[in-house]
Protein backbone atom coordinates (compact mmCIF):
# COMPACT_ATOMS: atom_id res chain seq x y z
CA UNK A 1 0.72 -4.41 17.99
CA UNK A 2 3.94 -2.44 17.58
CA UNK A 3 4.25 1.35 17.59
CA UNK A 4 6.67 3.67 15.82
CA UNK A 5 7.58 7.33 16.15
CA UNK A 6 8.12 9.52 13.09
CA UNK A 7 11.00 11.96 13.50
CA UNK A 8 10.49 15.55 12.24
CA UNK A 9 13.62 15.85 10.10
CA UNK A 10 12.08 18.29 7.61
CA UNK A 11 9.18 20.57 6.78
CA UNK A 12 7.39 23.10 8.96
CA UNK A 13 7.74 21.09 12.20
CA UNK A 14 11.43 20.40 11.62
CA UNK A 15 13.49 20.98 14.76
CA UNK A 16 17.01 19.57 15.02
CA UNK A 17 17.11 19.84 18.80
CA UNK A 18 14.03 17.61 19.19
CA UNK A 19 15.20 14.73 17.00
CA UNK A 20 17.48 13.18 19.59
CA UNK A 21 15.00 13.85 22.42
CA UNK A 22 12.16 12.10 20.58
CA UNK A 23 14.27 9.14 19.52
CA UNK A 24 15.83 8.50 22.92
CA UNK A 25 12.50 8.87 24.73
CA UNK A 26 10.82 6.46 22.31
CA UNK A 27 13.70 4.03 22.91
CA UNK A 28 13.30 4.30 26.69
CA UNK A 29 9.52 3.78 26.49
CA UNK A 30 9.87 0.62 24.42
CA UNK A 31 8.60 1.82 21.06
CA UNK A 32 9.41 -0.58 18.24
CA UNK A 33 10.94 1.83 15.71
CA UNK A 34 11.69 5.37 14.68
CA UNK A 35 11.03 6.45 11.09
CA UNK A 36 11.95 9.43 8.96
CA UNK A 37 11.23 10.44 5.38
CA UNK A 38 13.40 11.30 2.39
CA UNK A 39 13.46 14.58 0.49
CA UNK A 40 16.82 15.46 -1.04
CA UNK A 41 15.81 18.44 -3.15
CA UNK A 42 12.53 20.03 -4.21
CA UNK A 43 12.21 21.44 -7.74
CA UNK A 44 10.03 24.55 -7.82
CA UNK A 45 8.02 23.34 -10.80
CA UNK A 46 6.67 19.80 -10.60
CA UNK A 47 4.43 18.23 -13.23
CA UNK A 48 4.72 14.68 -11.86
CA UNK A 49 1.55 13.45 -10.16
CA UNK A 50 1.92 13.03 -6.41
CA UNK A 51 0.42 9.58 -5.65
CA UNK A 52 -0.47 10.21 -2.00
CA UNK A 53 -2.81 13.20 -2.23
CA UNK A 54 -6.37 13.41 -3.54
CA UNK A 55 -5.48 16.13 -6.04
CA UNK A 56 -2.14 14.69 -7.13
CA UNK A 57 -0.23 17.71 -5.80
CA UNK A 58 2.54 17.56 -3.22
CA UNK A 59 2.34 20.23 -0.52
CA UNK A 60 5.23 22.61 -0.08
CA UNK A 61 6.34 23.09 -3.68
CA UNK A 62 8.06 26.45 -4.04
CA UNK A 63 9.02 26.63 -0.36
CA UNK A 64 12.14 25.57 1.49
CA UNK A 65 11.80 21.93 2.52
CA UNK A 66 14.69 22.24 5.03
CA UNK A 67 15.02 18.46 5.26
CA UNK A 68 18.05 16.75 6.75
CA UNK A 69 19.70 13.92 4.80
CA UNK A 70 17.91 10.74 5.79
CA UNK A 71 20.74 8.23 6.15
CA UNK A 72 22.88 10.73 8.07
CA UNK A 73 20.03 11.08 10.56
CA UNK A 74 19.75 7.30 10.89
CA UNK A 75 23.47 7.09 11.73
CA UNK A 76 23.03 9.83 14.34
CA UNK A 77 20.06 8.07 15.94
CA UNK A 78 21.96 4.77 15.94
CA UNK A 79 24.51 6.39 18.25
CA UNK A 80 21.85 7.93 20.52
CA UNK A 81 19.71 4.82 21.08
CA UNK A 82 20.13 1.20 22.23
CA UNK A 83 17.16 -0.96 21.27
CA UNK A 84 14.80 0.78 18.90
CA UNK A 85 14.73 -0.15 15.19
CA UNK A 86 15.77 2.43 12.59
CA UNK A 87 13.45 2.62 9.57
CA UNK A 88 14.03 5.12 6.76
CA UNK A 89 10.62 5.60 5.11
CA UNK A 90 11.69 5.42 2.45
CA UNK A 91 15.06 5.48 0.70
CA UNK A 92 14.43 6.30 -2.96
CA UNK A 93 16.59 3.55 -4.41
CA UNK A 94 17.66 5.04 -7.78
CA UNK A 95 18.79 8.33 -6.19
CA UNK A 96 22.12 7.03 -4.82
CA UNK A 97 25.04 5.13 -6.24
CA UNK A 98 24.13 1.57 -5.24
CA UNK A 99 27.59 0.60 -3.99
CA UNK A 100 27.96 3.72 -1.84
CA UNK A 101 24.43 3.25 -0.53
CA UNK A 102 25.19 -0.39 0.32
CA UNK A 103 28.24 0.75 2.31
CA UNK A 104 26.28 3.45 4.17
CA UNK A 105 23.47 1.07 5.09
CA UNK A 106 25.87 -1.65 6.21
CA UNK A 107 27.62 0.95 8.37
CA UNK A 108 24.31 1.98 9.99
CA UNK A 109 23.52 -1.66 10.73
CA UNK A 110 26.98 -2.06 12.30
CA UNK A 111 26.71 1.13 14.36
CA UNK A 112 23.26 0.16 15.61
CA UNK A 113 24.24 -3.48 16.27
CA UNK A 114 21.67 -4.83 13.83
CA UNK A 115 18.72 -2.47 14.21
CA UNK A 116 18.32 -1.27 10.62
CA UNK A 117 15.19 -1.92 8.57
CA UNK A 118 15.59 -0.84 4.93
CA UNK A 119 12.44 1.00 3.94
CA UNK A 120 12.75 1.47 0.19
CA UNK A 121 10.84 2.86 -2.76
CA UNK A 122 11.32 3.74 -6.41
CA UNK A 123 10.25 7.41 -6.31
CA UNK A 124 7.53 9.27 -8.19
CA UNK A 125 9.10 12.69 -8.85
CA UNK A 126 10.63 12.90 -12.32
CA UNK A 127 11.76 16.48 -11.81
CA UNK A 128 13.62 15.59 -8.62
CA UNK A 129 15.34 12.66 -10.34
CA UNK A 130 16.40 14.92 -13.21
CA UNK A 131 17.77 17.53 -10.81
CA UNK A 132 19.80 14.84 -9.04
CA UNK A 133 21.14 13.67 -12.42
CA UNK A 134 20.05 10.09 -11.72
CA UNK A 135 21.85 8.10 -14.43
CA UNK A 136 19.27 5.33 -14.87
CA UNK A 137 16.05 5.84 -16.92
CA UNK A 138 13.13 7.11 -14.84
CA UNK A 139 10.68 4.80 -16.61
CA UNK A 140 12.89 1.85 -15.61
CA UNK A 141 13.16 2.82 -11.95
CA UNK A 142 11.24 -0.28 -10.85
CA UNK A 143 13.70 -2.62 -12.54
CA UNK A 144 16.62 -0.53 -11.27
CA UNK A 145 15.30 -0.71 -7.72
CA UNK A 146 14.77 -4.47 -7.87
CA UNK A 147 18.37 -4.92 -9.04
CA UNK A 148 19.70 -2.73 -6.22
CA UNK A 149 17.84 -4.79 -3.59
CA UNK A 150 19.17 -8.05 -5.01
CA UNK A 151 22.71 -6.67 -5.31
CA UNK A 152 22.72 -5.37 -1.73
CA UNK A 153 21.70 -8.76 -0.41
CA UNK A 154 24.58 -10.27 -2.36
CA UNK A 155 27.11 -7.71 -1.08
CA UNK A 156 25.99 -8.02 2.53
CA UNK A 157 26.02 -11.81 2.74
CA UNK A 158 28.53 -13.32 0.31
CA UNK A 159 32.31 -13.53 0.57
CA UNK A 160 32.54 -13.44 -3.22
CA UNK A 161 29.58 -11.22 -4.19
CA UNK A 162 28.47 -11.38 -7.79
CA UNK A 163 25.47 -9.80 -9.46
CA UNK A 164 24.76 -9.17 -13.12
CA UNK A 165 21.68 -7.21 -14.12
CA UNK A 166 20.55 -4.80 -16.80
CA UNK A 167 21.75 -1.72 -14.91
CA UNK A 168 24.26 -3.04 -12.38
CA UNK A 169 27.12 -5.52 -12.44
CA UNK A 170 29.22 -6.58 -9.45
CA UNK A 171 32.02 -9.16 -9.59
CA UNK A 172 35.63 -9.71 -8.51
CA UNK A 173 35.30 -7.40 -5.48
CA UNK A 174 35.62 -7.54 -1.71
CA UNK A 175 32.92 -5.83 0.33
CA UNK A 176 33.19 -5.41 4.08
CA UNK A 177 32.04 -5.04 6.71
CA UNK A 178 28.93 -7.10 6.18
CA UNK A 179 25.70 -6.22 7.93
CA UNK A 180 25.18 -7.51 11.44
CA UNK A 181 21.83 -8.96 10.38
CA UNK A 182 22.34 -11.92 8.07
CA UNK A 183 21.77 -12.52 5.27
CA UNK A 184 20.57 -8.88 5.30
CA UNK A 185 18.52 -6.40 7.28
CA UNK A 186 14.80 -6.69 6.53
CA UNK A 187 13.51 -4.79 3.51
CA UNK A 188 10.13 -3.04 3.59
CA UNK A 189 8.80 -1.92 0.22
CA UNK A 190 7.03 1.42 -0.03
CA UNK A 191 4.33 2.30 -2.56
CA UNK A 192 0.85 1.07 -3.44
CA UNK A 193 1.04 0.25 -7.14
CA UNK A 194 0.73 -3.39 -8.25
CA UNK A 195 4.48 -3.36 -8.95
CA UNK A 196 5.22 -2.09 -5.43
CA UNK A 197 3.04 -4.75 -3.81
CA UNK A 198 4.70 -7.41 -5.97
CA UNK A 199 8.11 -6.10 -4.89
CA UNK A 200 7.05 -6.37 -1.25
CA UNK A 201 5.94 -9.97 -1.76
CA UNK A 202 8.80 -11.22 -3.90
CA UNK A 203 11.90 -9.31 -2.80
CA UNK A 204 11.11 -7.76 0.57
CA UNK A 205 10.03 -8.73 4.05
CA UNK A 206 7.26 -6.19 4.58
CA UNK A 207 5.11 -3.49 2.99
CA UNK A 208 5.02 0.25 3.75
CA UNK A 209 1.78 1.70 2.35
CA UNK A 210 1.02 5.37 2.79
CA UNK A 211 -1.36 6.56 5.49
CA UNK A 212 -3.59 7.67 2.59
CA UNK A 213 -3.90 4.13 1.29
CA UNK A 214 -7.36 3.92 -0.37
CA UNK A 215 -8.10 0.37 0.63
CA UNK A 216 -11.64 0.02 1.90
CA UNK A 217 -13.68 1.04 4.95
CA UNK A 218 -12.22 -0.99 7.78
CA UNK A 219 -15.63 -2.04 9.13
CA UNK A 220 -16.89 -3.61 5.86
CA UNK A 221 -16.33 -7.23 6.89
CA UNK A 222 -17.60 -6.44 10.39
CA UNK A 223 -20.88 -5.11 8.97
CA UNK A 224 -21.23 -8.09 6.65
CA UNK A 225 -20.62 -10.51 9.51
CA UNK A 226 -23.34 -8.81 11.55
CA UNK A 227 -25.99 -9.73 8.98
CA UNK A 228 -24.53 -13.04 7.72
CA UNK A 229 -23.97 -15.46 10.63
CA UNK A 230 -23.85 -18.52 8.33
CA UNK A 231 -20.18 -19.04 7.45
CA UNK A 232 -20.91 -21.62 4.74
CA UNK A 233 -22.60 -19.28 2.29
CA UNK A 234 -21.21 -18.73 -1.21
CA UNK A 235 -19.83 -15.19 -1.61
CA UNK A 236 -18.77 -13.27 -4.70
CA UNK A 237 -16.16 -10.61 -3.94
CA UNK A 238 -16.80 -8.49 -7.04
CA UNK A 239 -13.91 -6.18 -7.86
CA UNK A 240 -11.73 -8.03 -5.37
CA UNK A 241 -8.53 -6.18 -6.34
CA UNK A 242 -5.57 -7.57 -4.40
CA UNK A 243 -7.81 -9.47 -1.97
CA UNK A 244 -8.09 -7.07 0.97
CA UNK A 245 -11.77 -7.76 1.61
CA UNK A 246 -11.34 -11.48 1.05
CA UNK A 247 -8.64 -11.57 3.70
CA UNK A 248 -10.94 -9.88 6.22
CA UNK A 249 -13.88 -12.15 5.36
CA UNK A 250 -11.68 -15.20 5.84
CA UNK A 251 -10.74 -13.93 9.32
CA UNK A 252 -14.47 -13.95 10.17
CA UNK A 253 -14.68 -17.61 9.12
CA UNK A 254 -16.09 -17.39 5.58
CA UNK A 255 -14.46 -19.91 3.24
CA UNK A 256 -16.56 -20.20 0.08
CA UNK A 257 -15.45 -16.95 -1.52
CA UNK A 258 -15.08 -16.37 -5.26
CA UNK A 259 -12.82 -13.47 -6.16
CA UNK A 260 -13.46 -11.60 -9.41
CA UNK A 261 -11.76 -8.57 -10.87
CA UNK A 262 -11.24 -6.79 -14.21
CA UNK A 263 -7.45 -6.76 -13.80
CA UNK A 264 -5.33 -9.90 -14.05
CA UNK A 265 -2.47 -7.81 -12.68
CA UNK A 266 -4.37 -7.25 -9.44
CA UNK A 267 -5.49 -10.88 -9.22
CA UNK A 268 -1.85 -11.98 -9.48
CA UNK A 269 -1.14 -10.08 -6.25
CA UNK A 270 -3.71 -11.99 -4.17
CA UNK A 271 -2.17 -14.25 -1.51
CA UNK A 272 -2.79 -17.98 -1.82
CA UNK A 273 -5.72 -19.68 -0.09
CA UNK A 274 -7.93 -16.59 0.23
CA UNK A 275 -10.41 -17.44 -2.55
CA UNK A 276 -11.48 -20.89 -3.63
CA UNK A 277 -11.82 -19.54 -7.17
CA UNK A 278 -10.55 -16.46 -9.05
CA UNK A 279 -12.06 -15.10 -12.26
CA UNK A 280 -11.77 -12.16 -14.62
CA UNK A 281 -14.99 -10.17 -15.03
CA UNK A 282 -16.12 -6.77 -16.29
CA UNK A 283 -18.80 -5.43 -13.95
CA UNK A 284 -20.00 -3.01 -16.62
CA UNK A 285 -21.02 -5.99 -18.78
CA UNK A 286 -23.50 -8.86 -18.36
CA UNK A 287 -21.96 -11.39 -16.00
CA UNK A 288 -21.57 -15.07 -16.92
CA UNK A 289 -23.25 -16.35 -13.77
CA UNK A 290 -26.79 -17.74 -13.77
CA UNK A 291 -29.67 -16.00 -12.01
CA UNK A 292 -29.81 -16.50 -8.24
CA UNK A 293 -26.29 -17.97 -8.14
CA UNK A 294 -24.59 -16.53 -5.03
CA UNK A 295 -25.75 -16.36 -1.42
CA UNK A 296 -24.00 -13.02 -0.92
CA UNK A 297 -21.95 -10.41 -2.78
CA UNK A 298 -19.38 -7.87 -1.62
CA UNK A 299 -18.28 -5.03 -3.90
CA UNK A 300 -15.90 -2.76 -2.01
CA UNK A 301 -13.69 -0.03 -3.46
CA UNK A 302 -15.04 -0.61 -6.97
CA UNK A 303 -17.68 2.09 -7.27
CA UNK A 304 -15.31 5.03 -7.60
CA UNK A 305 -14.07 7.49 -10.21
CA UNK A 306 -13.61 6.07 -13.71
CA UNK A 307 -14.66 2.57 -12.72
CA UNK A 308 -17.98 0.72 -12.55
CA UNK A 309 -21.24 2.57 -13.13
CA UNK A 310 -24.48 2.40 -11.13
CA UNK A 311 -26.26 0.02 -13.53
CA UNK A 312 -23.90 -2.72 -12.39
CA UNK A 313 -26.03 -3.02 -9.26
CA UNK A 314 -28.87 -4.48 -11.36
CA UNK A 315 -26.61 -7.23 -12.63
CA UNK A 316 -25.30 -8.02 -9.16
CA UNK A 317 -28.86 -8.33 -7.88
CA UNK A 318 -29.70 -10.68 -10.77
CA UNK A 319 -27.05 -13.21 -9.76
CA UNK A 320 -27.88 -12.92 -6.05
CA UNK A 321 -30.22 -15.48 -4.46
CA UNK A 322 -33.50 -14.44 -2.87
CA UNK A 323 -32.83 -13.09 0.64
CA UNK A 324 -29.15 -12.88 -0.26
CA UNK A 325 -26.99 -10.02 1.00
CA UNK A 326 -25.07 -7.45 -1.03
CA UNK A 327 -22.54 -5.26 0.78
CA UNK A 328 -20.89 -2.45 -1.19
CA UNK A 329 -19.22 0.95 -1.00
CA UNK A 330 -19.62 4.06 -3.16
CA UNK A 331 -17.04 6.83 -3.17
CA UNK A 332 -18.76 9.96 -1.82
CA UNK A 333 -17.52 12.01 -4.79
CA UNK A 334 -19.51 9.96 -7.31
CA UNK A 335 -22.55 9.13 -5.16
CA UNK A 336 -24.68 11.80 -6.83
CA UNK A 337 -22.45 12.63 -9.79
CA UNK A 338 -22.86 9.10 -11.19
CA UNK A 339 -26.46 8.87 -9.92
CA UNK A 340 -25.91 6.08 -7.41
CA UNK A 341 -28.35 7.85 -5.09
CA UNK A 342 -31.08 7.55 -7.73
CA UNK A 343 -30.20 3.93 -8.51
CA UNK A 344 -30.43 2.91 -4.84
CA UNK A 345 -33.80 4.63 -4.56
CA UNK A 346 -35.05 3.01 -7.77
CA UNK A 347 -34.08 -0.50 -6.65
CA UNK A 348 -35.89 0.09 -3.37
CA UNK A 349 -39.00 1.47 -5.10
CA UNK A 350 -39.01 -1.51 -7.46
CA UNK A 351 -38.88 -3.75 -4.37
CA UNK A 352 -35.80 -5.56 -5.66
CA UNK A 353 -34.06 -5.11 -2.31
CA UNK A 354 -34.43 -3.78 1.20
CA UNK A 355 -31.67 -1.55 2.56
CA UNK A 356 -30.56 -2.95 5.92
CA UNK A 357 -27.90 -0.34 6.70
CA UNK A 358 -26.37 2.62 4.91
CA UNK A 359 -23.94 5.14 6.38
CA UNK A 360 -20.93 7.28 5.58
CA UNK A 361 -17.52 6.11 6.65
CA UNK A 362 -13.87 7.05 6.19
CA UNK A 363 -12.56 5.78 2.85
CA UNK A 364 -8.99 7.13 2.77
CA UNK A 365 -7.22 7.34 6.11
CA UNK A 366 -6.16 10.85 7.19
CA UNK A 367 -7.78 12.44 4.12
CA UNK A 368 -11.14 14.15 3.83
CA UNK A 369 -12.50 11.43 1.55
CA UNK A 370 -15.51 9.37 2.56
CA UNK A 371 -17.64 6.61 1.09
CA UNK A 372 -21.14 5.28 1.55
CA UNK A 373 -21.14 1.80 3.05
CA UNK A 374 -24.35 -0.08 2.34
CA UNK A 375 -25.77 -3.57 2.94
CA UNK A 376 -29.05 -4.73 1.40
CA UNK A 377 -31.13 -7.92 1.19
CA UNK A 378 -32.63 -9.10 -2.08
CA UNK A 379 -36.40 -9.57 -2.14
């Protein structure tokens, strides 16, 4: 496991005098990296939805953000440290001229002797982009960002760099110095949308999700493993999303896992060799599987706002074999609102299942959002 230190370059805990002290101490103690965040300017009126807060609102609007410029800080820390990696988290790619940004980043990699990691994202704040007079269309920022990443790799590694895209063309130029790291410093993609995850897989070397990433309770697979020692059982991962639960189940030794989700876009993000079969299903409808088909079912992160309703539990029980296990989560906010509490009680009263374990657990890291984690056995 590697540890990083986040530098306070802005906001209420911002203190210029402490930046160097923190970075140099982390370097001396053997930490892997220092990180710092980007905020160039803060419009006082923001209608854009903030993707990393439960209410869609970014804190601090209407107050001075007092944030230092990110890449300038990285250059400063490069001069103050010897071994630690430098990770901007993240550069908003469309905000800067791509050629100038390529030069700045190559300079940081030179000054640090190859310690730069390019944390990058596309941005979410339309009002900020408008204030900065970003010349490319906001609704095309994903495509713009992909082109910038590809162009930077070309500039940093080729003697005769050439790139032709929809928003950027480079040809008949010399670009030097190149980055120390060849063919380029590693790229880590920020964001949690399907497009961001795809960018991480196809163009980058790593993924930078937020600390509020609503993935699933981390002990789901652990709880399932406690009650299902047989690794050869057939499992349906209903609402499998991008395969997070399947990955954890595989680590526990389960191999006969069918992944099923409503979204082909999410299924396309699943790594190879996690599921032996992948299918599109709508959990609010009757499922195509026969009665008593699966030995076990997981349904994690699906019972939440605007998604699958409580009656889906009846259908999951139908396709579950006698004595089979069903492990699922329910977002705390809809547990009573969508009558999941009544459905669980009804299924118990009707003797369709026995609840083996049910408890609250953290659902979104570092946020006051919880879920019910439940495992039951079909009668």
